[in-house]
């Protein structure tokens, strides 16, 4: 099988290749969240990177941004139905990482020592 630039499998891999995409999707799994609360849920993400990630996910139809009038105005982010379809694969990948993470780190250490 050839992975062409417009291949659907490649599109899916690209969506999850960005570290923050999967993290933000997972952080939105329980429902709508305001930007500040979302940032608090995700350790180590900057304001700029969170905004860029949310825009990218919105562009791809995975996240919905809702603005509410008021004083002050507020914005919430939530997964779309399409975005929710990624929760199971992300969960499976996380389970794999939990089960095999030590093996991967050991391989990395062996490789580093052998060089």
PDB file of N, CA and C in Angstrom:
ATOM      1  N   UNK A   1       0.848  -1.177   0.000  1.00  0.00           N
ATOM      2  CA  UNK A   1       0.000   0.000   0.000  1.00  0.00           C
ATOM      3  C   UNK A   1       0.888   1.232   0.000  1.00  0.00           C
ATOM      4  N   UNK A   2       0.575   2.191  -0.831  1.00  0.00           N
ATOM      5  CA  UNK A   2       1.310   3.442  -0.912  1.00  0.00           C
ATOM      6  C   UNK A   2       0.535   4.517  -0.166  1.00  0.00           C
ATOM      7  N   UNK A   3       1.212   5.289   0.665  1.00  0.00           N
ATOM      8  CA  UNK A   3       0.579   6.372   1.410  1.00  0.00           C
ATOM      9  C   UNK A   3       0.779   7.674   0.647  1.00  0.00           C
ATOM     10  N   UNK A   4      -0.142   7.962  -0.243  1.00  0.00           N
ATOM     11  CA  UNK A   4      -0.080   9.170  -1.046  1.00  0.00           C
ATOM     12  C   UNK A   4      -0.412  10.388  -0.203  1.00  0.00           C
ATOM     13  N   UNK A   5      -0.089  11.550  -0.712  1.00  0.00           N
ATOM     14  CA  UNK A   5      -0.338  12.792   0.035  1.00  0.00           C
ATOM     15  C   UNK A   5      -1.806  12.964   0.383  1.00  0.00           C
ATOM     16  N   UNK A   6      -2.707  12.487  -0.477  1.00  0.00           N
ATOM     17  CA  UNK A   6      -4.132  12.651  -0.207  1.00  0.00           C
ATOM     18  C   UNK A   6      -4.776  11.375   0.344  1.00  0.00           C
ATOM     19  N   UNK A   7      -3.967  10.450   0.819  1.00  0.00           N
ATOM     20  CA  UNK A   7      -4.445   9.188   1.374  1.00  0.00           C
ATOM     21  C   UNK A   7      -5.183   9.445   2.692  1.00  0.00           C
ATOM     22  N   UNK A   8      -6.327   8.796   2.872  1.00  0.00           N
ATOM     23  CA  UNK A   8      -7.116   8.995   4.091  1.00  0.00           C
ATOM     24  C   UNK A   8      -6.382   8.496   5.339  1.00  0.00           C
ATOM     25  N   UNK A   9      -5.650   7.398   5.204  1.00  0.00           N
ATOM     26  CA  UNK A   9      -4.890   6.893   6.352  1.00  0.00           C
ATOM     27  C   UNK A   9      -3.841   7.914   6.770  1.00  0.00           C
ATOM     28  N   UNK A  10      -3.196   8.520   5.812  1.00  0.00           N
ATOM     29  CA  UNK A  10      -2.180   9.534   6.118  1.00  0.00           C
ATOM     30  C   UNK A  10      -2.814  10.748   6.782  1.00  0.00           C
ATOM     31  N   UNK A  11      -4.007  11.114   6.333  1.00  0.00           N
ATOM     32  CA  UNK A  11      -4.742  12.210   6.956  1.00  0.00           C
ATOM     33  C   UNK A  11      -4.987  11.917   8.435  1.00  0.00           C
ATOM     34  N   UNK A  12      -5.410  10.697   8.726  1.00  0.00           N
ATOM     35  CA  UNK A  12      -5.670  10.309  10.116  1.00  0.00           C
ATOM     36  C   UNK A  12      -4.393  10.348  10.954  1.00  0.00           C
ATOM     37  N   UNK A  13      -3.301   9.823  10.392  1.00  0.00           N
ATOM     38  CA  UNK A  13      -2.027   9.848  11.122  1.00  0.00           C
ATOM     39  C   UNK A  13      -1.571  11.284  11.365  1.00  0.00           C
ATOM     40  N   UNK A  14      -1.753  12.136  10.381  1.00  0.00           N
ATOM     41  CA  UNK A  14      -1.369  13.540  10.532  1.00  0.00           C
ATOM     42  C   UNK A  14      -2.165  14.218  11.646  1.00  0.00           C
ATOM     43  N   UNK A  15      -3.446  13.877  11.775  1.00  0.00           N
ATOM     44  CA  UNK A  15      -4.272  14.474  12.826  1.00  0.00           C
ATOM     45  C   UNK A  15      -3.733  14.151  14.219  1.00  0.00           C
ATOM     46  N   UNK A  16      -3.216  12.949  14.385  1.00  0.00           N
ATOM     47  CA  UNK A  16      -2.728  12.550  15.702  1.00  0.00           C
ATOM     48  C   UNK A  16      -1.222  12.693  15.853  1.00  0.00           C
ATOM     49  N   UNK A  17      -0.541  13.066  14.777  1.00  0.00           N
ATOM     50  CA  UNK A  17       0.909  13.235  14.853  1.00  0.00           C
ATOM     51  C   UNK A  17       1.296  14.425  15.714  1.00  0.00           C
ATOM     52  N   UNK A  18       0.467  15.459  15.712  1.00  0.00           N
ATOM     53  CA  UNK A  18       0.742  16.611  16.555  1.00  0.00           C
ATOM     54  C   UNK A  18       0.416  16.232  17.997  1.00  0.00           C
ATOM     55  N   UNK A  19       1.407  16.325  18.861  1.00  0.00           N
ATOM     56  CA  UNK A  19       1.256  15.924  20.255  1.00  0.00           C
ATOM     57  C   UNK A  19       0.029  16.542  20.906  1.00  0.00           C
ATOM     58  N   UNK A  20      -0.197  17.808  20.661  1.00  0.00           N
ATOM     59  CA  UNK A  20      -1.257  18.514  21.379  1.00  0.00           C
ATOM     60  C   UNK A  20      -2.651  18.195  20.873  1.00  0.00           C
ATOM     61  N   UNK A  21      -2.791  17.763  19.617  1.00  0.00           N
ATOM     62  CA  UNK A  21      -4.129  17.449  19.108  1.00  0.00           C
ATOM     63  C   UNK A  21      -4.819  16.399  19.977  1.00  0.00           C
ATOM     64  N   UNK A  22      -4.164  15.267  20.193  1.00  0.00           N
ATOM     65  CA  UNK A  22      -4.761  14.187  20.979  1.00  0.00           C
ATOM     66  C   UNK A  22      -4.984  14.616  22.427  1.00  0.00           C
ATOM     67  N   UNK A  23      -4.056  15.372  22.975  1.00  0.00           N
ATOM     68  CA  UNK A  23      -4.180  15.825  24.364  1.00  0.00           C
ATOM     69  C   UNK A  23      -5.394  16.732  24.525  1.00  0.00           C
ATOM     70  N   UNK A  24      -5.581  17.672  23.620  1.00  0.00           N
ATOM     71  CA  UNK A  24      -6.718  18.591  23.700  1.00  0.00           C
ATOM     72  C   UNK A  24      -8.024  17.834  23.470  1.00  0.00           C
ATOM     73  N   UNK A  25      -8.048  16.939  22.514  1.00  0.00           N
ATOM     74  CA  UNK A  25      -9.258  16.132  22.292  1.00  0.00           C
ATOM     75  C   UNK A  25      -9.609  15.368  23.556  1.00  0.00           C
ATOM     76  N   UNK A  26      -8.627  14.754  24.180  1.00  0.00           N
ATOM     77  CA  UNK A  26      -8.875  13.983  25.405  1.00  0.00           C
ATOM     78  C   UNK A  26      -9.367  14.899  26.538  1.00  0.00           C
ATOM     79  N   UNK A  27      -8.799  16.080  26.627  1.00  0.00           N
ATOM     80  CA  UNK A  27      -9.189  17.019  27.682  1.00  0.00           C
ATOM     81  C   UNK A  27     -10.615  17.534  27.485  1.00  0.00           C
ATOM     82  N   UNK A  28     -11.137  17.454  26.270  1.00  0.00           N
ATOM     83  CA  UNK A  28     -12.501  17.910  25.980  1.00  0.00           C
ATOM     84  C   UNK A  28     -13.537  16.780  26.056  1.00  0.00           C
ATOM     85  N   UNK A  29     -13.121  15.603  26.439  1.00  0.00           N
ATOM     86  CA  UNK A  29     -14.004  14.435  26.373  1.00  0.00           C
ATOM     87  C   UNK A  29     -15.248  14.535  27.254  1.00  0.00           C
ATOM     88  N   UNK A  30     -15.197  15.323  28.325  1.00  0.00           N
ATOM     89  CA  UNK A  30     -16.330  15.383  29.255  1.00  0.00           C
ATOM     90  C   UNK A  30     -17.320  16.498  28.957  1.00  0.00           C
ATOM     91  N   UNK A  31     -17.107  17.240  27.895  1.00  0.00           N
ATOM     92  CA  UNK A  31     -18.071  18.280  27.537  1.00  0.00           C
ATOM     93  C   UNK A  31     -17.431  19.637  27.369  1.00  0.00           C
ATOM     94  N   UNK A  32     -18.262  20.657  27.121  1.00  0.00           N
ATOM     95  CA  UNK A  32     -17.761  22.002  26.846  1.00  0.00           C
ATOM     96  C   UNK A  32     -16.882  22.558  27.963  1.00  0.00           C
ATOM     97  N   UNK A  33     -15.823  23.268  27.552  1.00  0.00           N
ATOM     98  CA  UNK A  33     -14.860  23.835  28.495  1.00  0.00           C
ATOM     99  C   UNK A  33     -14.422  25.209  27.993  1.00  0.00           C
ATOM    100  N   UNK A  34     -14.241  26.118  28.923  1.00  0.00           N
ATOM    101  CA  UNK A  34     -13.697  27.430  28.573  1.00  0.00           C
ATOM    102  C   UNK A  34     -12.188  27.315  28.390  1.00  0.00           C
ATOM    103  N   UNK A  35     -11.648  28.267  27.634  1.00  0.00           N
ATOM    104  CA  UNK A  35     -10.223  28.251  27.278  1.00  0.00           C
ATOM    105  C   UNK A  35      -9.325  28.152  28.513  1.00  0.00           C
ATOM    106  N   UNK A  36      -9.569  28.977  29.507  1.00  0.00           N
ATOM    107  CA  UNK A  36      -8.721  28.981  30.703  1.00  0.00           C
ATOM    108  C   UNK A  36      -8.772  27.673  31.469  1.00  0.00           C
ATOM    109  N   UNK A  37      -9.957  27.104  31.586  1.00  0.00           N
ATOM    110  CA  UNK A  37     -10.104  25.824  32.276  1.00  0.00           C
ATOM    111  C   UNK A  37      -9.403  24.714  31.497  1.00  0.00           C
ATOM    112  N   UNK A  38      -9.507  24.777  30.183  1.00  0.00           N
ATOM    113  CA  UNK A  38      -8.840  23.792  29.336  1.00  0.00           C
ATOM    114  C   UNK A  38      -7.327  23.874  29.510  1.00  0.00           C
ATOM    115  N   UNK A  39      -6.802  25.092  29.548  1.00  0.00           N
ATOM    116  CA  UNK A  39      -5.366  25.284  29.757  1.00  0.00           C
ATOM    117  C   UNK A  39      -4.940  24.710  31.108  1.00  0.00           C
ATOM    118  N   UNK A  40      -5.773  24.906  32.140  1.00  0.00           N
ATOM    119  CA  UNK A  40      -5.463  24.365  33.463  1.00  0.00           C
ATOM    120  C   UNK A  40      -5.459  22.839  33.476  1.00  0.00           C
ATOM    121  N   UNK A  41      -6.300  22.229  32.664  1.00  0.00           N
ATOM    122  CA  UNK A  41      -6.375  20.763  32.596  1.00  0.00           C
ATOM    123  C   UNK A  41      -5.157  20.148  31.920  1.00  0.00           C
ATOM    124  N   UNK A  42      -4.507  20.942  31.070  1.00  0.00           N
ATOM    125  CA  UNK A  42      -3.409  20.420  30.256  1.00  0.00           C
ATOM    126  C   UNK A  42      -2.099  21.004  30.767  1.00  0.00           C
ATOM    127  N   UNK A  43      -1.308  20.202  31.414  1.00  0.00           N
ATOM    128  CA  UNK A  43      -0.037  20.679  31.922  1.00  0.00           C
ATOM    129  C   UNK A  43       0.968  20.913  30.805  1.00  0.00           C
ATOM    130  N   UNK A  44       1.674  22.030  30.882  1.00  0.00           N
ATOM    131  CA  UNK A  44       2.777  22.281  29.973  1.00  0.00           C
ATOM    132  C   UNK A  44       2.426  22.892  28.632  1.00  0.00           C
ATOM    133  N   UNK A  45       1.181  23.263  28.415  1.00  0.00           N
ATOM    134  CA  UNK A  45       0.810  23.871  27.136  1.00  0.00           C
ATOM    135  C   UNK A  45       0.745  25.384  27.307  1.00  0.00           C
ATOM    136  N   UNK A  46       1.304  26.101  26.358  1.00  0.00           N
ATOM    137  CA  UNK A  46       1.257  27.564  26.428  1.00  0.00           C
ATOM    138  C   UNK A  46      -0.073  28.055  25.866  1.00  0.00           C
ATOM    139  N   UNK A  47      -0.405  29.285  26.193  1.00  0.00           N
ATOM    140  CA  UNK A  47      -1.623  29.920  25.687  1.00  0.00           C
ATOM    141  C   UNK A  47      -1.624  29.904  24.155  1.00  0.00           C
ATOM    142  N   UNK A  48      -0.496  30.258  23.568  1.00  0.00           N
ATOM    143  CA  UNK A  48      -0.372  30.328  22.111  1.00  0.00           C
ATOM    144  C   UNK A  48      -0.579  28.963  21.465  1.00  0.00           C
ATOM    145  N   UNK A  49       0.067  27.940  22.005  1.00  0.00           N
ATOM    146  CA  UNK A  49      -0.035  26.598  21.433  1.00  0.00           C
ATOM    147  C   UNK A  49      -1.452  26.053  21.601  1.00  0.00           C
ATOM    148  N   UNK A  50      -2.088  26.321  22.727  1.00  0.00           N
ATOM    149  CA  UNK A  50      -3.468  25.879  22.926  1.00  0.00           C
ATOM    150  C   UNK A  50      -4.387  26.532  21.898  1.00  0.00           C
ATOM    151  N   UNK A  51      -4.234  27.831  21.701  1.00  0.00           N
ATOM    152  CA  UNK A  51      -5.063  28.539  20.711  1.00  0.00           C
ATOM    153  C   UNK A  51      -4.835  27.977  19.322  1.00  0.00           C
ATOM    154  N   UNK A  52      -3.581  27.760  18.938  1.00  0.00           N
ATOM    155  CA  UNK A  52      -3.269  27.193  17.623  1.00  0.00           C
ATOM    156  C   UNK A  52      -3.878  25.802  17.465  1.00  0.00           C
ATOM    157  N   UNK A  53      -3.790  24.996  18.518  1.00  0.00           N
ATOM    158  CA  UNK A  53      -4.323  23.635  18.468  1.00  0.00           C
ATOM    159  C   UNK A  53      -5.840  23.650  18.332  1.00  0.00           C
ATOM    160  N   UNK A  54      -6.498  24.502  19.103  1.00  0.00           N
ATOM    161  CA  UNK A  54      -7.956  24.594  19.010  1.00  0.00           C
ATOM    162  C   UNK A  54      -8.389  25.040  17.618  1.00  0.00           C
ATOM    163  N   UNK A  55      -7.679  25.983  17.041  1.00  0.00           N
ATOM    164  CA  UNK A  55      -8.008  26.439  15.682  1.00  0.00           C
ATOM    165  C   UNK A  55      -7.812  25.317  14.664  1.00  0.00           C
ATOM    166  N   UNK A  56      -6.735  24.558  14.822  1.00  0.00           N
ATOM    167  CA  UNK A  56      -6.462  23.450  13.908  1.00  0.00           C
ATOM    168  C   UNK A  56      -7.548  22.381  14.022  1.00  0.00           C
ATOM    169  N   UNK A  57      -7.940  22.070  15.252  1.00  0.00           N
ATOM    170  CA  UNK A  57      -8.980  21.063  15.462  1.00  0.00           C
ATOM    171  C   UNK A  57     -10.335  21.549  14.959  1.00  0.00           C
ATOM    172  N   UNK A  58     -10.593  22.830  15.118  1.00  0.00           N
ATOM    173  CA  UNK A  58     -11.834  23.406  14.588  1.00  0.00           C
ATOM    174  C   UNK A  58     -11.824  23.351  13.059  1.00  0.00           C
ATOM    175  N   UNK A  59     -10.713  23.697  12.449  1.00  0.00           N
ATOM    176  CA  UNK A  59     -10.559  23.650  10.995  1.00  0.00           C
ATOM    177  C   UNK A  59     -10.850  22.251  10.453  1.00  0.00           C
ATOM    178  N   UNK A  60     -10.427  21.240  11.199  1.00  0.00           N
ATOM    179  CA  UNK A  60     -10.609  19.857  10.772  1.00  0.00           C
ATOM    180  C   UNK A  60     -11.966  19.273  11.174  1.00  0.00           C
ATOM    181  N   UNK A  61     -12.820  20.079  11.780  1.00  0.00           N
ATOM    182  CA  UNK A  61     -14.161  19.632  12.129  1.00  0.00           C
ATOM    183  C   UNK A  61     -14.243  18.786  13.375  1.00  0.00           C
ATOM    184  N   UNK A  62     -13.206  18.828  14.216  1.00  0.00           N
ATOM    185  CA  UNK A  62     -13.160  17.989  15.416  1.00  0.00           C
ATOM    186  C   UNK A  62     -13.608  18.723  16.670  1.00  0.00           C
ATOM    187  N   UNK A  63     -13.512  20.038  16.652  1.00  0.00           N
ATOM    188  CA  UNK A  63     -13.874  20.876  17.807  1.00  0.00           C
ATOM    189  C   UNK A  63     -14.803  21.987  17.343  1.00  0.00           C
ATOM    190  N   UNK A  64     -15.758  22.321  18.187  1.00  0.00           N
ATOM    191  CA  UNK A  64     -16.673  23.428  17.928  1.00  0.00           C
ATOM    192  C   UNK A  64     -16.387  24.540  18.946  1.00  0.00           C
ATOM    193  N   UNK A  65     -16.311  25.733  18.444  1.00  0.00           N
ATOM    194  CA  UNK A  65     -16.119  26.923  19.290  1.00  0.00           C
ATOM    195  C   UNK A  65     -17.451  27.638  19.382  1.00  0.00           C
ATOM    196  N   UNK A  66     -17.885  27.924  20.609  1.00  0.00           N
ATOM    197  CA  UNK A  66     -19.141  28.643  20.823  1.00  0.00           C
ATOM    198  C   UNK A  66     -18.869  29.904  21.634  1.00  0.00           C
ATOM    199  N   UNK A  67     -19.264  31.021  21.058  1.00  0.00           N
ATOM    200  CA  UNK A  67     -19.100  32.307  21.733  1.00  0.00           C
ATOM    201  C   UNK A  67     -20.453  32.719  22.304  1.00  0.00           C
ATOM    202  N   UNK A  68     -20.441  33.205  23.531  1.00  0.00           N
ATOM    203  CA  UNK A  68     -21.650  33.654  24.213  1.00  0.00           C
ATOM    204  C   UNK A  68     -21.527  35.138  24.523  1.00  0.00           C
ATOM    205  N   UNK A  69     -22.594  35.859  24.227  1.00  0.00           N
ATOM    206  CA  UNK A  69     -22.614  37.294  24.542  1.00  0.00           C
ATOM    207  C   UNK A  69     -22.750  37.449  26.045  1.00  0.00           C
ATOM    208  N   UNK A  70     -22.358  38.566  26.523  1.00  0.00           N
ATOM    209  CA  UNK A  70     -22.451  38.838  27.956  1.00  0.00           C
ATOM    210  C   UNK A  70     -21.321  39.738  28.369  1.00  0.00           C
ATOM    211  N   UNK A  71     -21.275  39.983  29.630  1.00  0.00           N
ATOM    212  CA  UNK A  71     -20.223  40.834  30.150  1.00  0.00           C
ATOM    213  C   UNK A  71     -19.539  40.122  31.306  1.00  0.00           C
ATOM    214  N   UNK A  72     -18.355  39.629  31.139  1.00  0.00           N
ATOM    215  CA  UNK A  72     -17.590  39.614  29.891  1.00  0.00           C
ATOM    216  C   UNK A  72     -18.085  38.494  28.980  1.00  0.00           C
ATOM    217  N   UNK A  73     -17.837  38.629  27.672  1.00  0.00           N
ATOM    218  CA  UNK A  73     -18.213  37.542  26.768  1.00  0.00           C
ATOM    219  C   UNK A  73     -17.399  36.297  27.092  1.00  0.00           C
ATOM    220  N   UNK A  74     -17.958  35.138  26.801  1.00  0.00           N
ATOM    221  CA  UNK A  74     -17.206  33.908  27.078  1.00  0.00           C
ATOM    222  C   UNK A  74     -17.249  33.000  25.862  1.00  0.00           C
ATOM    223  N   UNK A  75     -16.260  32.125  25.789  1.00  0.00           N
ATOM    224  CA  UNK A  75     -16.138  31.172  24.695  1.00  0.00           C
ATOM    225  C   UNK A  75     -15.937  29.793  25.300  1.00  0.00           C
ATOM    226  N   UNK A  76     -16.620  28.823  24.738  1.00  0.00           N
ATOM    227  CA  UNK A  76     -16.437  27.431  25.149  1.00  0.00           C
ATOM    228  C   UNK A  76     -16.068  26.593  23.936  1.00  0.00           C
ATOM    229  N   UNK A  77     -15.344  25.525  24.220  1.00  0.00           N
ATOM    230  CA  UNK A  77     -14.936  24.581  23.184  1.00  0.00           C
ATOM    231  C   UNK A  77     -15.479  23.213  23.552  1.00  0.00           C
ATOM    232  N   UNK A  78     -15.924  22.494  22.528  1.00  0.00           N
ATOM    233  CA  UNK A  78     -16.403  21.136  22.758  1.00  0.00           C
ATOM    234  C   UNK A  78     -16.120  20.283  21.533  1.00  0.00           C
ATOM    235  N   UNK A  79     -16.078  18.987  21.749  1.00  0.00           N
ATOM    236  CA  UNK A  79     -15.872  18.071  20.636  1.00  0.00           C
ATOM    237  C   UNK A  79     -17.123  18.003  19.781  1.00  0.00           C
ATOM    238  N   UNK A  80     -16.930  17.894  18.484  1.00  0.00           N
ATOM    239  CA  UNK A  80     -18.030  17.619  17.578  1.00  0.00           C
ATOM    240  C   UNK A  80     -18.275  16.105  17.609  1.00  0.00           C
ATOM    241  N   UNK A  81     -19.319  15.658  16.937  1.00  0.00           N
ATOM    242  CA  UNK A  81     -19.548  14.214  16.831  1.00  0.00           C
ATOM    243  C   UNK A  81     -18.348  13.539  16.167  1.00  0.00           C
ATOM    244  N   UNK A  82     -17.795  14.193  15.161  1.00  0.00           N
ATOM    245  CA  UNK A  82     -16.609  13.655  14.493  1.00  0.00           C
ATOM    246  C   UNK A  82     -15.427  13.582  15.461  1.00  0.00           C
ATOM    247  N   UNK A  83     -15.223  14.624  16.250  1.00  0.00           N
ATOM    248  CA  UNK A  83     -14.143  14.636  17.229  1.00  0.00           C
ATOM    249  C   UNK A  83     -14.287  13.522  18.251  1.00  0.00           C
ATOM    250  N   UNK A  84     -15.527  13.231  18.651  1.00  0.00           N
ATOM    251  CA  UNK A  84     -15.782  12.172  19.628  1.00  0.00           C
ATOM    252  C   UNK A  84     -15.382  10.793  19.086  1.00  0.00           C
ATOM    253  N   UNK A  85     -15.400  10.632  17.766  1.00  0.00           N
ATOM    254  CA  UNK A  85     -15.013   9.333  17.196  1.00  0.00           C
ATOM    255  C   UNK A  85     -13.532   9.033  17.407  1.00  0.00           C
ATOM    256  N   UNK A  86     -12.739  10.040  17.753  1.00  0.00           N
ATOM    257  CA  UNK A  86     -11.308   9.820  18.008  1.00  0.00           C
ATOM    258  C   UNK A  86     -11.012   9.415  19.448  1.00  0.00           C
ATOM    259  N   UNK A  87     -11.995   9.497  20.334  1.00  0.00           N
ATOM    260  CA  UNK A  87     -11.738   9.161  21.741  1.00  0.00           C
ATOM    261  C   UNK A  87     -11.323   7.699  21.918  1.00  0.00           C
ATOM    262  N   UNK A  88     -11.988   6.782  21.253  1.00  0.00           N
ATOM    263  CA  UNK A  88     -11.630   5.357  21.396  1.00  0.00           C
ATOM    264  C   UNK A  88     -10.216   5.076  20.879  1.00  0.00           C
ATOM    265  N   UNK A  89      -9.846   5.555  19.688  1.00  0.00           N
ATOM    266  CA  UNK A  89      -8.457   5.320  19.246  1.00  0.00           C
ATOM    267  C   UNK A  89      -7.423   5.974  20.167  1.00  0.00           C
ATOM    268  N   UNK A  90      -7.703   7.168  20.674  1.00  0.00           N
ATOM    269  CA  UNK A  90      -6.766   7.826  21.583  1.00  0.00           C
ATOM    270  C   UNK A  90      -6.658   7.032  22.880  1.00  0.00           C
ATOM    271  N   UNK A  91      -7.785   6.540  23.378  1.00  0.00           N
ATOM    272  CA  UNK A  91      -7.785   5.720  24.594  1.00  0.00           C
ATOM    273  C   UNK A  91      -6.978   4.444  24.373  1.00  0.00           C
ATOM    274  N   UNK A  92      -7.168   3.806  23.220  1.00  0.00           N
ATOM    275  CA  UNK A  92      -6.427   2.577  22.915  1.00  0.00           C
ATOM    276  C   UNK A  92      -4.925   2.852  22.828  1.00  0.00           C
ATOM    277  N   UNK A  93      -4.569   3.948  22.198  1.00  0.00           N
ATOM    278  CA  UNK A  93      -3.157   4.301  22.085  1.00  0.00           C
ATOM    279  C   UNK A  93      -2.566   4.600  23.465  1.00  0.00           C
ATOM    280  N   UNK A  94      -3.340   5.287  24.319  1.00  0.00           N
ATOM    281  CA  UNK A  94      -2.895   5.557  25.688  1.00  0.00           C
ATOM    282  C   UNK A  94      -2.704   4.276  26.480  1.00  0.00           C
ATOM    283  N   UNK A  95      -3.616   3.314  26.302  1.00  0.00           N
ATOM    284  CA  UNK A  95      -3.484   2.022  26.988  1.00  0.00           C
ATOM    285  C   UNK A  95      -2.230   1.297  26.520  1.00  0.00           C
ATOM    286  N   UNK A  96      -1.974   1.366  25.201  1.00  0.00           N
ATOM    287  CA  UNK A  96      -0.754   0.756  24.669  1.00  0.00           C
ATOM    288  C   UNK A  96       0.475   1.402  25.304  1.00  0.00           C
ATOM    289  N   UNK A  97       0.476   2.739  25.379  1.00  0.00           N
ATOM    290  CA  UNK A  97       1.614   3.466  25.943  1.00  0.00           C
ATOM    291  C   UNK A  97       1.819   3.101  27.416  1.00  0.00           C
ATOM    292  N   UNK A  98       0.722   2.959  28.151  1.00  0.00           N
ATOM    293  CA  UNK A  98       0.813   2.590  29.565  1.00  0.00           C
ATOM    294  C   UNK A  98       1.420   1.193  29.706  1.00  0.00           C
ATOM    295  N   UNK A  99       0.992   0.285  28.841  1.00  0.00           N
ATOM    296  CA  UNK A  99       1.464  -1.098  28.909  1.00  0.00           C
ATOM    297  C   UNK A  99       2.900  -1.257  28.416  1.00  0.00           C
ATOM    298  N   UNK A 100       3.287  -0.502  27.394  1.00  0.00           N
ATOM    299  CA  UNK A 100       4.586  -0.715  26.754  1.00  0.00           C
ATOM    300  C   UNK A 100       5.567   0.455  26.883  1.00  0.00           C
ATOM    301  N   UNK A 101       5.182   1.503  27.583  1.00  0.00           N
ATOM    302  CA  UNK A 101       6.037   2.686  27.704  1.00  0.00           C
ATOM    303  C   UNK A 101       7.399   2.390  28.292  1.00  0.00           C
ATOM    304  N   UNK A 102       7.444   1.540  29.310  1.00  0.00           N
ATOM    305  CA  UNK A 102       8.735   1.190  29.921  1.00  0.00           C
ATOM    306  C   UNK A 102       9.646   0.487  28.916  1.00  0.00           C
ATOM    307  N   UNK A 103       9.070  -0.367  28.082  1.00  0.00           N
ATOM    308  CA  UNK A 103       9.859  -1.073  27.068  1.00  0.00           C
ATOM    309  C   UNK A 103      10.436  -0.096  26.045  1.00  0.00           C
ATOM    310  N   UNK A 104       9.631   0.871  25.645  1.00  0.00           N
ATOM    311  CA  UNK A 104      10.101   1.866  24.673  1.00  0.00           C
ATOM    312  C   UNK A 104      11.220   2.701  25.280  1.00  0.00           C
ATOM    313  N   UNK A 105      11.026   3.146  26.528  1.00  0.00           N
ATOM    314  CA  UNK A 105      12.063   3.955  27.177  1.00  0.00           C
ATOM    315  C   UNK A 105      13.345   3.150  27.377  1.00  0.00           C
ATOM    316  N   UNK A 106      13.224   1.865  27.697  1.00  0.00           N
ATOM    317  CA  UNK A 106      14.411   1.015  27.851  1.00  0.00           C
ATOM    318  C   UNK A 106      15.141   0.877  26.514  1.00  0.00           C
ATOM    319  N   UNK A 107      14.400   0.715  25.439  1.00  0.00           N
ATOM    320  CA  UNK A 107      15.021   0.622  24.112  1.00  0.00           C
ATOM    321  C   UNK A 107      15.740   1.920  23.769  1.00  0.00           C
ATOM    322  N   UNK A 108      15.138   3.045  24.102  1.00  0.00           N
ATOM    323  CA  UNK A 108      15.767   4.341  23.841  1.00  0.00           C
ATOM    324  C   UNK A 108      17.063   4.476  24.630  1.00  0.00           C
ATOM    325  N   UNK A 109      17.033   4.059  25.885  1.00  0.00           N
ATOM    326  CA  UNK A 109      18.239   4.126  26.719  1.00  0.00           C
ATOM    327  C   UNK A 109      19.336   3.220  26.167  1.00  0.00           C
ATOM    328  N   UNK A 110      18.963   2.003  25.743  1.00  0.00           N
ATOM    329  CA  UNK A 110      19.962   1.069  25.168  1.00  0.00           C
ATOM    330  C   UNK A 110      20.569   1.690  23.912  1.00  0.00           C
ATOM    331  N   UNK A 111      19.734   2.253  23.089  1.00  0.00           N
ATOM    332  CA  UNK A 111      20.210   2.848  21.853  1.00  0.00           C
ATOM    333  C   UNK A 111      21.175   4.007  22.138  1.00  0.00           C
ATOM    334  N   UNK A 112      20.832   4.831  23.101  1.00  0.00           N
ATOM    335  CA  UNK A 112      21.669   5.974  23.470  1.00  0.00           C
ATOM    336  C   UNK A 112      23.019   5.492  24.016  1.00  0.00           C
ATOM    337  N   UNK A 113      23.024   4.450  24.843  1.00  0.00           N
ATOM    338  CA  UNK A 113      24.267   3.921  25.404  1.00  0.00           C
ATOM    339  C   UNK A 113      25.159   3.306  24.341  1.00  0.00           C
ATOM    340  N   UNK A 114      24.541   2.695  23.333  1.00  0.00           N
ATOM    341  CA  UNK A 114      25.306   2.000  22.290  1.00  0.00           C
ATOM    342  C   UNK A 114      25.937   2.957  21.292  1.00  0.00           C
ATOM    343  N   UNK A 115      25.541   4.168  21.299  1.00  0.00           N
ATOM    344  CA  UNK A 115      26.069   5.129  20.312  1.00  0.00           C
ATOM    345  C   UNK A 115      27.330   5.746  20.778  1.00  0.00           C
TER     346      UNK A 115
END
